[in-house]
N, C-alpha and C. Protein backbone atom coordinates (compact mmCIF):
# COMPACT_ATOMS: atom_id res chain seq x y z
N MET A 1 11.83 24.69 101.19
CA MET A 1 13.14 25.14 101.49
C MET A 1 13.85 25.43 100.18
N THR A 2 14.47 26.54 100.06
CA THR A 2 15.04 26.95 98.67
C THR A 2 16.55 26.60 98.85
N THR A 3 17.12 26.50 97.68
CA THR A 3 18.55 26.39 97.65
C THR A 3 19.20 27.35 96.86
N SER A 4 20.43 27.73 97.22
CA SER A 4 21.00 29.00 96.45
C SER A 4 21.47 28.38 95.15
N ALA A 5 21.80 29.44 94.29
CA ALA A 5 22.19 28.80 92.76
C ALA A 5 23.49 28.40 92.91
N HIS A 6 24.27 28.42 94.05
CA HIS A 6 25.50 27.67 94.18
C HIS A 6 25.51 26.39 94.74
N GLU A 7 24.45 26.04 95.36
CA GLU A 7 24.36 24.76 95.99
C GLU A 7 23.56 23.74 95.12
N PRO A 8 24.09 22.72 95.05
CA PRO A 8 23.55 21.62 94.21
C PRO A 8 22.40 20.97 94.84
N VAL A 9 21.17 20.54 94.21
CA VAL A 9 20.24 19.91 94.61
C VAL A 9 20.44 18.53 94.98
N ARG A 10 20.01 17.99 96.11
CA ARG A 10 20.20 16.65 96.48
C ARG A 10 19.08 15.76 96.03
N ILE A 11 19.22 14.84 95.08
CA ILE A 11 18.11 14.09 94.44
C ILE A 11 18.07 12.81 95.28
N GLN A 12 17.06 12.40 96.07
CA GLN A 12 17.12 11.30 96.94
C GLN A 12 16.37 10.15 96.32
N ALA A 13 15.47 10.54 95.36
CA ALA A 13 14.62 9.59 94.76
C ALA A 13 14.36 10.10 93.35
N VAL A 14 14.16 9.16 92.27
CA VAL A 14 13.58 9.36 91.05
C VAL A 14 12.45 8.53 90.57
N LEU A 15 11.49 9.26 90.09
CA LEU A 15 10.09 8.66 89.68
C LEU A 15 10.42 8.15 88.21
N ASP A 16 9.94 6.86 87.96
CA ASP A 16 9.89 6.54 86.56
C ASP A 16 8.39 6.62 85.96
N ARG A 17 8.37 6.44 84.91
CA ARG A 17 7.06 6.86 84.16
C ARG A 17 5.75 6.11 84.98
N SER A 18 6.12 4.72 85.50
CA SER A 18 4.91 4.00 86.16
C SER A 18 4.67 4.63 87.45
N ALA A 19 5.61 5.26 88.10
CA ALA A 19 5.27 5.88 89.48
C ALA A 19 4.50 7.18 89.22
N MET A 20 4.84 7.90 88.10
CA MET A 20 4.18 9.05 87.74
C MET A 20 2.68 8.84 87.38
N GLU A 21 2.41 7.68 86.66
CA GLU A 21 1.20 7.23 86.40
C GLU A 21 0.37 6.84 87.52
N SER A 22 0.92 6.26 88.62
CA SER A 22 0.26 6.14 89.95
C SER A 22 -0.15 7.44 90.71
N TYR A 23 0.86 8.24 90.42
CA TYR A 23 0.39 9.59 91.07
C TYR A 23 -0.73 10.29 90.39
N ALA A 24 -0.62 10.38 89.03
CA ALA A 24 -1.81 10.66 88.17
C ALA A 24 -3.13 10.02 88.36
N ARG A 25 -3.01 8.69 88.98
CA ARG A 25 -4.37 8.06 89.20
C ARG A 25 -4.87 8.41 90.52
N GLY A 26 -4.09 9.23 91.26
CA GLY A 26 -4.64 9.71 92.67
C GLY A 26 -4.03 8.85 93.73
N HIS A 27 -3.30 7.96 93.55
CA HIS A 27 -2.73 6.95 94.38
C HIS A 27 -1.99 7.75 95.47
N ILE A 28 -2.09 7.59 96.75
CA ILE A 28 -1.46 8.20 97.78
C ILE A 28 0.00 7.79 98.08
N HIS A 29 0.34 6.72 97.63
CA HIS A 29 1.83 6.17 98.01
C HIS A 29 2.91 7.14 97.48
N VAL A 30 2.76 7.53 96.41
CA VAL A 30 3.97 8.47 95.76
C VAL A 30 3.77 9.94 96.40
N GLY A 31 2.61 10.34 96.57
CA GLY A 31 2.50 11.74 97.23
C GLY A 31 3.07 11.72 98.59
N GLU A 32 2.92 10.69 99.36
CA GLU A 32 3.31 10.43 100.76
C GLU A 32 4.91 10.48 100.67
N LEU A 33 5.63 9.84 99.68
CA LEU A 33 6.92 9.81 99.83
C LEU A 33 7.47 11.15 99.31
N LEU A 34 6.87 11.80 98.35
CA LEU A 34 7.22 13.18 97.97
C LEU A 34 7.32 14.10 99.17
N ILE A 35 6.16 13.98 100.03
CA ILE A 35 6.16 14.94 101.15
C ILE A 35 7.38 14.55 102.16
N ASP A 36 7.61 13.23 102.40
CA ASP A 36 8.68 12.95 103.33
C ASP A 36 9.98 13.35 102.81
N ILE A 37 10.28 13.21 101.46
CA ILE A 37 11.48 13.50 101.04
C ILE A 37 11.81 15.07 101.06
N ALA A 38 10.78 15.79 100.66
CA ALA A 38 10.90 17.35 100.79
C ALA A 38 11.03 17.72 102.16
N ASP A 39 10.38 17.14 103.27
CA ASP A 39 10.64 17.52 104.66
C ASP A 39 11.99 17.35 104.95
N GLU A 40 12.76 16.38 104.40
CA GLU A 40 14.12 16.20 104.70
C GLU A 40 15.04 17.11 103.82
N GLY A 41 14.47 18.08 103.29
CA GLY A 41 15.22 19.03 102.48
C GLY A 41 15.92 18.49 101.32
N ALA A 42 15.52 17.14 100.82
CA ALA A 42 15.81 16.42 99.49
C ALA A 42 14.83 16.73 98.49
N HIS A 43 15.11 16.40 97.25
CA HIS A 43 14.29 16.35 96.09
C HIS A 43 14.11 15.04 95.42
N VAL A 44 13.03 15.05 94.62
CA VAL A 44 12.66 13.88 93.91
C VAL A 44 12.84 14.27 92.29
N GLY A 45 13.75 13.56 91.75
CA GLY A 45 13.89 13.75 90.27
C GLY A 45 12.75 13.17 89.50
N VAL A 46 12.36 14.05 88.47
CA VAL A 46 11.42 13.74 87.44
C VAL A 46 12.15 13.86 86.11
N PRO A 47 12.48 12.60 85.66
CA PRO A 47 13.23 12.61 84.30
C PRO A 47 12.14 13.35 83.28
N ALA A 48 12.59 14.23 82.29
CA ALA A 48 11.67 14.79 81.39
C ALA A 48 11.11 13.75 80.34
N THR A 49 11.84 12.68 80.00
CA THR A 49 11.47 11.70 79.00
C THR A 49 10.42 10.89 79.75
N ALA A 50 10.67 10.37 80.86
CA ALA A 50 9.53 9.85 81.68
C ALA A 50 8.34 10.50 81.86
N LEU A 51 8.54 11.66 82.04
CA LEU A 51 7.15 12.62 82.18
C LEU A 51 6.54 12.68 80.93
N LEU A 52 7.39 12.79 79.81
CA LEU A 52 6.68 12.86 78.36
C LEU A 52 5.91 11.50 78.18
N ASP A 53 6.52 10.35 78.58
CA ASP A 53 5.87 9.08 78.43
C ASP A 53 4.66 8.91 79.19
N ALA A 54 4.59 9.48 80.34
CA ALA A 54 3.42 9.49 81.24
C ALA A 54 2.26 10.20 80.56
N HIS A 55 2.62 11.61 80.18
CA HIS A 55 1.85 12.31 79.45
C HIS A 55 1.15 11.69 78.19
N SER A 56 2.01 11.08 77.46
CA SER A 56 1.41 10.54 76.19
C SER A 56 0.60 9.32 76.34
N ARG A 57 0.85 8.54 77.59
CA ARG A 57 -0.21 7.51 77.90
C ARG A 57 -1.49 8.03 78.38
N ALA A 58 -1.59 9.31 78.61
CA ALA A 58 -2.77 9.76 79.35
C ALA A 58 -3.42 10.78 78.44
N LEU A 59 -3.27 10.72 77.40
CA LEU A 59 -3.68 11.74 76.29
C LEU A 59 -5.33 11.84 76.33
N HIS A 60 -5.95 10.74 76.57
CA HIS A 60 -7.35 11.05 76.83
C HIS A 60 -7.98 11.08 78.14
N ASP A 61 -7.07 11.40 79.16
CA ASP A 61 -7.52 11.48 80.49
C ASP A 61 -6.95 12.92 81.06
N GLU A 62 -7.80 13.88 80.76
CA GLU A 62 -7.34 15.21 81.17
C GLU A 62 -6.90 15.36 82.79
N HIS A 63 -7.84 14.57 83.54
CA HIS A 63 -7.50 14.68 85.07
C HIS A 63 -6.26 14.15 85.33
N ALA A 64 -5.77 13.12 84.78
CA ALA A 64 -4.56 12.58 84.97
C ALA A 64 -3.43 13.41 84.58
N ARG A 65 -3.58 14.09 83.33
CA ARG A 65 -2.60 14.96 82.73
C ARG A 65 -2.46 16.29 83.66
N ALA A 66 -3.68 16.72 84.19
CA ALA A 66 -3.56 17.79 85.08
C ALA A 66 -2.76 17.59 86.40
N LEU A 67 -2.95 16.37 86.85
CA LEU A 67 -2.06 15.94 88.20
C LEU A 67 -0.68 15.75 87.70
N LEU A 68 -0.41 15.33 86.62
CA LEU A 68 0.97 15.38 86.02
C LEU A 68 1.59 16.72 86.11
N ARG A 69 0.77 17.55 85.55
CA ARG A 69 1.21 19.02 85.42
C ARG A 69 1.44 19.53 87.05
N VAL A 70 0.55 19.27 87.91
CA VAL A 70 0.66 19.65 89.24
C VAL A 70 1.83 19.04 89.89
N LEU A 71 2.14 17.75 89.63
CA LEU A 71 3.36 17.09 90.04
C LEU A 71 4.60 17.87 90.02
N THR A 72 4.63 18.61 88.64
CA THR A 72 6.03 19.10 88.21
C THR A 72 6.27 20.40 89.10
N THR A 73 5.18 21.08 89.83
CA THR A 73 5.13 22.35 90.57
C THR A 73 5.38 22.06 92.04
N LEU A 74 5.30 20.80 92.44
CA LEU A 74 5.36 20.59 94.05
C LEU A 74 6.78 20.98 94.44
N GLU A 75 6.71 21.33 95.74
CA GLU A 75 8.12 21.66 96.31
C GLU A 75 8.86 20.23 96.46
N GLY A 76 10.19 20.46 96.11
CA GLY A 76 10.99 19.29 96.38
C GLY A 76 11.04 18.32 94.94
N ILE A 77 10.43 18.96 93.92
CA ILE A 77 10.44 18.07 92.68
C ILE A 77 11.58 18.80 91.83
N GLU A 78 12.32 18.13 91.24
CA GLU A 78 13.49 18.60 90.29
C GLU A 78 13.19 17.94 88.91
N ILE A 79 12.92 18.82 87.88
CA ILE A 79 12.84 18.22 86.57
C ILE A 79 14.23 17.98 86.10
N LEU A 80 14.37 16.86 85.50
CA LEU A 80 15.65 16.18 85.12
C LEU A 80 15.77 16.40 83.48
N ASP A 81 16.32 17.34 82.93
CA ASP A 81 16.24 17.51 81.54
C ASP A 81 17.00 16.55 80.69
N LEU A 82 16.77 16.45 79.57
CA LEU A 82 17.56 15.61 78.77
C LEU A 82 18.21 16.62 77.63
N ASP A 83 19.53 17.07 78.00
CA ASP A 83 20.13 17.93 77.13
C ASP A 83 21.18 17.10 76.49
N ALA A 84 22.28 17.83 75.76
CA ALA A 84 23.22 16.99 74.95
C ALA A 84 24.17 16.28 75.88
N ASP A 85 24.43 16.81 77.01
CA ASP A 85 25.40 16.18 77.93
C ASP A 85 24.86 15.01 78.45
N VAL A 86 23.40 14.99 78.90
CA VAL A 86 22.77 13.82 79.62
C VAL A 86 22.62 12.77 78.55
N ALA A 87 22.24 13.33 77.23
CA ALA A 87 22.04 12.27 76.15
C ALA A 87 23.27 11.51 75.93
N ALA A 88 24.37 12.03 75.91
CA ALA A 88 25.66 11.48 75.56
C ALA A 88 26.05 10.43 76.79
N ALA A 89 25.72 11.08 77.95
CA ALA A 89 26.03 10.18 79.26
C ALA A 89 25.26 9.06 79.36
N MET A 90 23.81 9.07 79.06
CA MET A 90 23.00 8.06 79.33
C MET A 90 22.79 7.14 78.09
N ALA A 91 23.35 7.45 76.91
CA ALA A 91 23.27 6.68 75.70
C ALA A 91 23.27 5.03 76.00
N GLY A 92 24.42 4.67 76.76
CA GLY A 92 24.57 3.20 77.02
C GLY A 92 23.39 2.73 77.92
N SER A 93 22.72 3.48 78.62
CA SER A 93 21.46 2.80 79.35
C SER A 93 20.28 2.36 78.35
N VAL A 94 20.23 3.07 77.26
CA VAL A 94 19.20 2.69 76.43
C VAL A 94 18.93 1.24 75.88
N PRO A 95 20.12 0.68 75.51
CA PRO A 95 19.96 -0.79 75.12
C PRO A 95 19.78 -1.79 76.28
N LEU A 96 20.37 -1.30 77.57
CA LEU A 96 20.05 -2.24 78.72
C LEU A 96 18.50 -2.18 78.99
N ALA A 97 17.83 -0.85 78.83
CA ALA A 97 16.44 -0.70 79.00
C ALA A 97 15.51 -1.18 77.86
N LYS A 98 16.15 -1.96 76.88
CA LYS A 98 15.43 -2.40 75.79
C LYS A 98 14.79 -1.47 74.85
N GLY A 99 15.69 -0.45 74.71
CA GLY A 99 15.12 0.72 73.82
C GLY A 99 14.20 1.77 74.52
N ASP A 100 13.81 1.34 75.77
CA ASP A 100 12.81 2.37 76.41
C ASP A 100 13.53 3.69 76.99
N MET A 101 13.49 4.77 76.22
CA MET A 101 14.30 5.86 76.66
C MET A 101 13.70 6.46 77.98
N ALA A 102 12.50 6.50 78.25
CA ALA A 102 11.84 6.93 79.44
C ALA A 102 12.41 6.12 80.62
N ARG A 103 12.74 4.92 80.40
CA ARG A 103 12.94 4.00 81.67
C ARG A 103 14.50 4.18 81.82
N ALA A 104 15.36 4.29 80.60
CA ALA A 104 16.68 4.42 80.66
C ALA A 104 17.03 5.79 81.19
N HIS A 105 16.35 6.90 81.06
CA HIS A 105 16.64 8.17 81.61
C HIS A 105 16.42 8.06 83.14
N ALA A 106 15.32 7.49 83.52
CA ALA A 106 14.90 7.34 84.99
C ALA A 106 16.11 6.50 85.65
N ALA A 107 16.55 5.25 84.99
CA ALA A 107 17.56 4.36 85.78
C ALA A 107 18.77 5.23 85.71
N TRP A 108 19.26 5.86 84.65
CA TRP A 108 20.45 6.56 84.54
C TRP A 108 20.60 7.59 85.59
N ALA A 109 19.32 8.48 85.89
CA ALA A 109 19.37 9.49 86.89
C ALA A 109 19.47 8.99 88.27
N ALA A 110 18.81 7.75 88.47
CA ALA A 110 18.93 7.23 89.82
C ALA A 110 20.32 6.90 90.16
N ASN A 111 20.93 6.12 89.19
CA ASN A 111 22.38 5.85 89.29
C ASN A 111 23.20 6.90 89.50
N LYS A 112 23.16 7.84 88.71
CA LYS A 112 23.91 9.11 88.77
C LYS A 112 23.87 9.76 90.19
N HIS A 113 22.74 9.90 90.73
CA HIS A 113 22.39 10.43 91.98
C HIS A 113 22.46 9.62 93.20
N ARG A 114 22.73 8.33 92.84
CA ARG A 114 22.60 7.19 94.12
C ARG A 114 21.52 7.32 94.74
N ALA A 115 20.39 7.42 93.93
CA ALA A 115 18.98 7.60 94.58
C ALA A 115 18.16 6.42 94.38
N TYR A 116 17.10 6.57 94.99
CA TYR A 116 15.96 5.37 95.04
C TYR A 116 15.35 5.49 93.60
N TYR A 117 15.04 4.42 93.08
CA TYR A 117 14.26 4.41 91.76
C TYR A 117 12.84 4.11 92.28
N LEU A 118 11.92 4.89 92.00
CA LEU A 118 10.40 4.59 92.55
C LEU A 118 9.75 4.16 91.23
N THR A 119 9.09 3.00 91.61
CA THR A 119 8.33 2.36 90.32
C THR A 119 7.17 1.48 90.74
N THR A 120 6.15 1.26 89.91
CA THR A 120 5.20 0.07 90.16
C THR A 120 5.58 -1.10 89.46
N GLU A 121 6.72 -1.10 88.76
CA GLU A 121 7.17 -2.17 87.77
C GLU A 121 8.59 -2.43 88.20
N PRO A 122 8.90 -3.05 89.45
CA PRO A 122 10.35 -3.31 89.93
C PRO A 122 10.99 -4.46 88.91
N ASP A 123 10.11 -5.18 88.24
CA ASP A 123 10.86 -6.17 87.43
C ASP A 123 11.48 -5.66 86.35
N GLU A 124 10.86 -4.60 85.78
CA GLU A 124 11.47 -3.88 84.74
C GLU A 124 12.72 -3.06 84.84
N ALA A 125 12.83 -2.73 86.29
CA ALA A 125 14.14 -2.09 86.74
C ALA A 125 15.36 -2.87 87.01
N ALA A 126 15.00 -4.09 87.17
CA ALA A 126 15.86 -5.28 87.50
C ALA A 126 17.21 -5.15 86.47
N GLY A 127 18.41 -5.04 86.96
CA GLY A 127 19.50 -4.90 86.07
C GLY A 127 20.04 -3.55 85.78
N LEU A 128 18.92 -2.70 86.04
CA LEU A 128 19.20 -1.21 85.45
C LEU A 128 19.80 -0.45 86.61
N VAL A 129 19.27 -0.65 87.90
CA VAL A 129 19.66 0.00 88.99
C VAL A 129 19.88 -0.99 90.13
N PRO A 130 20.79 -0.85 91.18
CA PRO A 130 20.94 -1.64 92.18
C PRO A 130 19.68 -2.05 92.79
N VAL A 131 19.52 -3.40 92.98
CA VAL A 131 18.22 -3.96 93.68
C VAL A 131 17.74 -3.19 94.89
N ASP A 132 18.74 -2.78 95.62
CA ASP A 132 18.53 -2.17 97.14
C ASP A 132 17.99 -0.69 96.65
N ASN A 133 18.27 -0.24 95.60
CA ASN A 133 17.58 1.23 95.12
C ASN A 133 16.33 1.04 94.50
N ILE A 134 15.89 -0.05 94.25
CA ILE A 134 14.45 -0.12 93.69
C ILE A 134 13.37 -0.14 94.83
N HIS A 135 12.47 0.86 94.72
CA HIS A 135 11.47 1.10 95.75
C HIS A 135 10.17 0.74 94.99
N ALA A 136 9.69 -0.44 95.27
CA ALA A 136 8.42 -0.91 94.46
C ALA A 136 7.14 -0.15 95.20
N MET A 137 6.50 0.62 94.38
CA MET A 137 5.21 1.33 94.73
C MET A 137 4.02 0.24 94.51
N PRO A 138 3.00 0.30 95.44
CA PRO A 138 1.89 -0.59 95.30
C PRO A 138 1.22 -0.12 93.84
N VAL A 139 0.65 -1.07 93.16
CA VAL A 139 0.01 -0.68 91.83
C VAL A 139 -1.39 -0.35 92.25
N HIS A 140 -2.06 -0.61 93.29
CA HIS A 140 -3.46 -0.11 93.55
C HIS A 140 -3.39 0.62 94.84
N ASP A 141 -4.24 1.67 95.12
CA ASP A 141 -4.22 2.46 96.13
C ASP A 141 -4.72 1.61 97.48
N ALA A 142 -4.21 2.37 98.46
CA ALA A 142 -4.58 1.62 99.77
C ALA A 142 -6.02 1.83 100.13
C-alpha cells in the first residue's frame, strides 16, 4: 500500500534495538508482526539511532547486518530519522533512558505515535513508555 505525499504515515509499532537484533538473528516473531501491521495498512517505525546501534553490535556478523539492511526495505517500514527537530524534542528522554540514545529515540517515537514498543528487553523500557504499550518479544525463536 502506498500513501500520498499529503497523507501522514500511521506508525502502529516501533522497533527498539533488541527487536531489530532478534530479527537479524532470523527469529520469526518480529517478521510476523511486521507482516500483520503492513497488512493493516499501518507502518512500523525504525528509529535511526536504534538501527545504528543494532548495526554496530553486529559489525562482525555480515549475515545479521544484511538482514538489518533488508529490514529497512520492507513494505510497511518507516525509518524515523534523527533531525534537529527530533533531537530537540526527544532530549528529555535521554536521561530517563540512562543515556542510551537508541532506547530514548525508540521510546520517544513510540510515545509520539502512541505506538507499541517492540522489544526483547521489556524491563529496560519500563518507565519510558506506558506498560500497556510494551510488547515483549521472545528472546529465542519458536
